[in-house]
Each structure stands twice: as C-alpha cells, then as structure tokens.
Protein backbone atom coordinates (compact mmCIF):
# COMPACT_ATOMS: atom_id res chain seq x y z
CA MET A 1 71.82 11.57 152.21
CA THR A 2 68.18 12.37 152.49
CA LEU A 3 65.95 14.12 149.93
CA GLU A 4 65.88 17.23 152.07
CA ILE A 5 69.70 17.54 152.11
CA ILE A 6 69.94 16.98 148.36
CA GLY A 7 67.11 19.47 147.80
CA THR A 8 68.80 22.02 150.02
CA TYR A 9 72.08 21.77 148.00
CA ALA A 10 70.12 22.02 144.69
CA ILE A 11 68.30 25.00 145.94
CA GLY A 12 71.57 26.68 147.02
CA ILE A 13 73.18 26.01 143.64
CA CYS A 14 70.17 27.39 141.73
CA LEU A 15 70.09 30.43 143.95
CA LEU A 16 73.81 31.12 143.44
CA ILE A 17 73.53 30.69 139.65
CA GLY A 18 70.44 32.84 139.47
CA ALA A 19 71.85 35.56 141.59
CA SER A 20 75.16 35.66 139.68
CA PHE A 21 73.42 35.80 136.32
CA ALA A 22 71.17 38.54 137.58
CA LEU A 23 74.18 40.45 138.87
CA ILE A 24 76.01 40.04 135.55
CA GLY A 25 72.90 41.29 133.71
CA THR A 26 72.65 44.31 136.00
CA ILE A 27 76.30 45.20 135.53
CA GLY A 28 75.95 44.84 131.78
CA LEU A 29 72.92 47.11 131.78
CA LEU A 30 74.81 49.76 133.66
CA LYS A 31 78.04 49.44 131.77
CA PHE A 32 76.86 49.55 128.18
CA ASN A 33 76.11 52.94 126.60
CA ASP A 34 74.28 52.13 123.34
CA PRO A 35 70.61 51.12 123.64
CA MET A 36 71.19 48.12 121.38
CA THR A 37 74.06 46.69 123.50
CA ARG A 38 72.21 47.62 126.70
CA LEU A 39 69.24 45.61 125.50
CA HIS A 40 71.32 42.47 125.30
CA ALA A 41 72.31 42.22 128.97
CA PRO A 42 68.93 42.05 130.76
CA THR A 43 67.10 40.01 128.16
CA LYS A 44 69.56 37.19 127.71
CA VAL A 45 71.32 37.02 131.06
CA GLY A 46 68.40 38.15 133.11
CA THR A 47 66.10 35.46 131.63
CA ILE A 48 68.52 32.68 132.68
CA GLY A 49 69.02 34.27 136.10
CA ILE A 50 65.30 34.62 136.84
CA GLY A 51 64.78 31.09 135.46
CA ALA A 52 67.34 29.67 137.92
CA LEU A 53 65.69 31.54 140.81
CA LEU A 54 62.29 30.21 139.89
CA LEU A 55 63.76 26.71 139.58
CA ALA A 56 65.10 27.05 143.15
CA SER A 57 61.62 28.06 144.21
CA MET A 58 60.07 25.01 142.53
CA ILE A 59 62.65 22.63 144.06
CA HIS A 60 61.92 24.13 147.46
CA SER A 61 58.14 23.73 147.04
CA TRP A 62 58.44 20.10 145.97
CA VAL A 63 61.00 19.10 148.60
CA PHE A 64 59.56 20.87 151.70
CA THR A 65 55.89 21.37 150.93
CA GLU A 66 53.18 19.97 148.68
CA GLY A 67 54.62 21.30 145.43
CA SER A 68 53.67 24.10 143.13
CA LEU A 69 53.68 24.52 139.34
CA HIS A 70 53.05 28.29 139.35
CA GLU A 71 56.79 28.89 138.82
CA LEU A 72 56.73 26.72 135.75
CA LEU A 73 54.08 28.88 134.24
CA ILE A 74 56.02 32.02 135.11
CA MET A 75 59.14 30.56 133.52
CA ALA A 76 57.22 29.64 130.35
CA PHE A 77 55.79 33.15 130.08
CA LEU A 78 59.15 34.75 130.71
CA PHE A 79 61.01 32.59 128.18
CA VAL A 80 58.43 33.34 125.54
CA THR A 81 57.92 37.04 126.06
CA ALA A 82 61.55 38.29 126.81
CA PRO A 83 63.04 37.46 123.44
CA ILE A 84 60.01 38.73 121.56
CA SER A 85 59.93 42.07 123.40
CA ALA A 86 63.72 42.46 122.93
CA HIS A 87 63.32 41.85 119.22
CA PHE A 88 60.59 44.51 118.97
CA ILE A 89 62.66 47.06 120.96
CA GLY A 90 65.61 46.42 118.73
CA LYS A 91 63.46 46.86 115.57
CA VAL A 92 62.10 50.18 116.91
CA ASN A 93 65.66 51.43 117.58
CA ILE A 94 66.67 50.46 114.05
CA HIS A 95 63.64 52.09 112.41
CA LYS A 96 63.90 55.30 114.48
CA ARG A 97 67.64 55.40 113.51
CA ALA A 98 68.44 55.67 117.29
CA CYS A 99 71.44 53.37 116.71
CA ALA A 100 73.90 52.40 114.08
CA THR A 101 72.08 50.94 111.04
CA PRO A 102 73.07 47.34 110.43
CA PRO A 103 74.91 46.62 107.18
CA THR A 104 72.77 45.96 104.20
CA PRO A 105 72.39 42.31 103.20
CA PRO A 106 74.37 41.29 100.15
CA GLU A 107 71.62 40.60 97.61
CA ASP A 108 68.35 41.59 99.16
CA ASP A 109 67.07 45.00 100.22
CA THR A 110 63.86 43.63 101.84
CA TRP A 111 65.60 41.41 104.48
CA SER A 112 64.47 42.36 107.95
CA THR A 113 62.91 45.66 106.91
CA LEU A 114 59.49 46.98 106.08
CA ASN A 115 60.20 47.10 102.34
CA VAL A 116 57.97 44.82 100.23
CA PRO A 117 59.26 43.35 96.89
CA GLU A 118 57.55 44.62 93.75
CA ALA A 119 56.20 41.12 93.06
CA ASP A 120 54.44 40.98 96.45
CA ARG A 121 52.94 44.46 96.59
CA ASP A 122 49.60 43.12 95.44
CA ILE A 123 49.25 40.70 98.40
CA ALA A 124 50.97 42.85 101.05
CA PRO A 125 48.77 44.83 103.43
CA HIS A 126 48.76 48.48 102.58
CA THR A 127 49.90 50.82 105.28
C-alpha cells in the first residue's frame, strides 16, 4: 500500500465521521424544542463534525500537495470559541428566564450567578 492509498482511506473515514456528526447535530437542532437543549446539539456534535472535516482536508493537503496548516488554525479557533459562546448563550437564557431555572445549589446562593457574597462586596466591581 502506498501513502496515497492510505491517505485516501483516511480522508474517506474522516469525511464519513465528520458528515455523520454534522448530520446528527442538524437533526438534534431541528428536533429539540427548548433553547437550552437546542444549544447542545450544534455546539458539541457540530464541533467534532467540523473538526473531522477539517482533519480530512489537512490529510488531503499533506498527502496530495505541499501541505497546509490553515485547517489547524481553524480547528484551534473553533475548539476554543464554540464552548465559550455556548456557555454565554446558556447564561443569557438563564438570566433572561427564557428556560427552566436550574436547581439551587445545596449550600451556596452565589454559585454560577451574578450574586456577590457580603464579604466580597468591597472588592467586587460595582454594576
């Protein structure tokens, strides 16, 4: 087996994995009704799907041409920004009360909220 044949199989596998994950993410986006559950499908599954498609592109560029690292930069940007943006969108939905409020934590009312404990009000920025 030559490098081109192995590369072609690797590209095909990455394309199938990426396309299937992207399809699952799309179906989840269309099926879920609540904004918080709808948020889960494209951010988690879509990131892996797009990552596999970009990996196929990287393998193709290294096997059949001179090689390219642009896809690696795109993957790094995608893997850093997608979870952060999903977190912010979720927090906005919670604070706007657009979804069911999560249960309160057992012993702390400042967990994952904008509340500041009394002891830290001097050092917290005032809004």
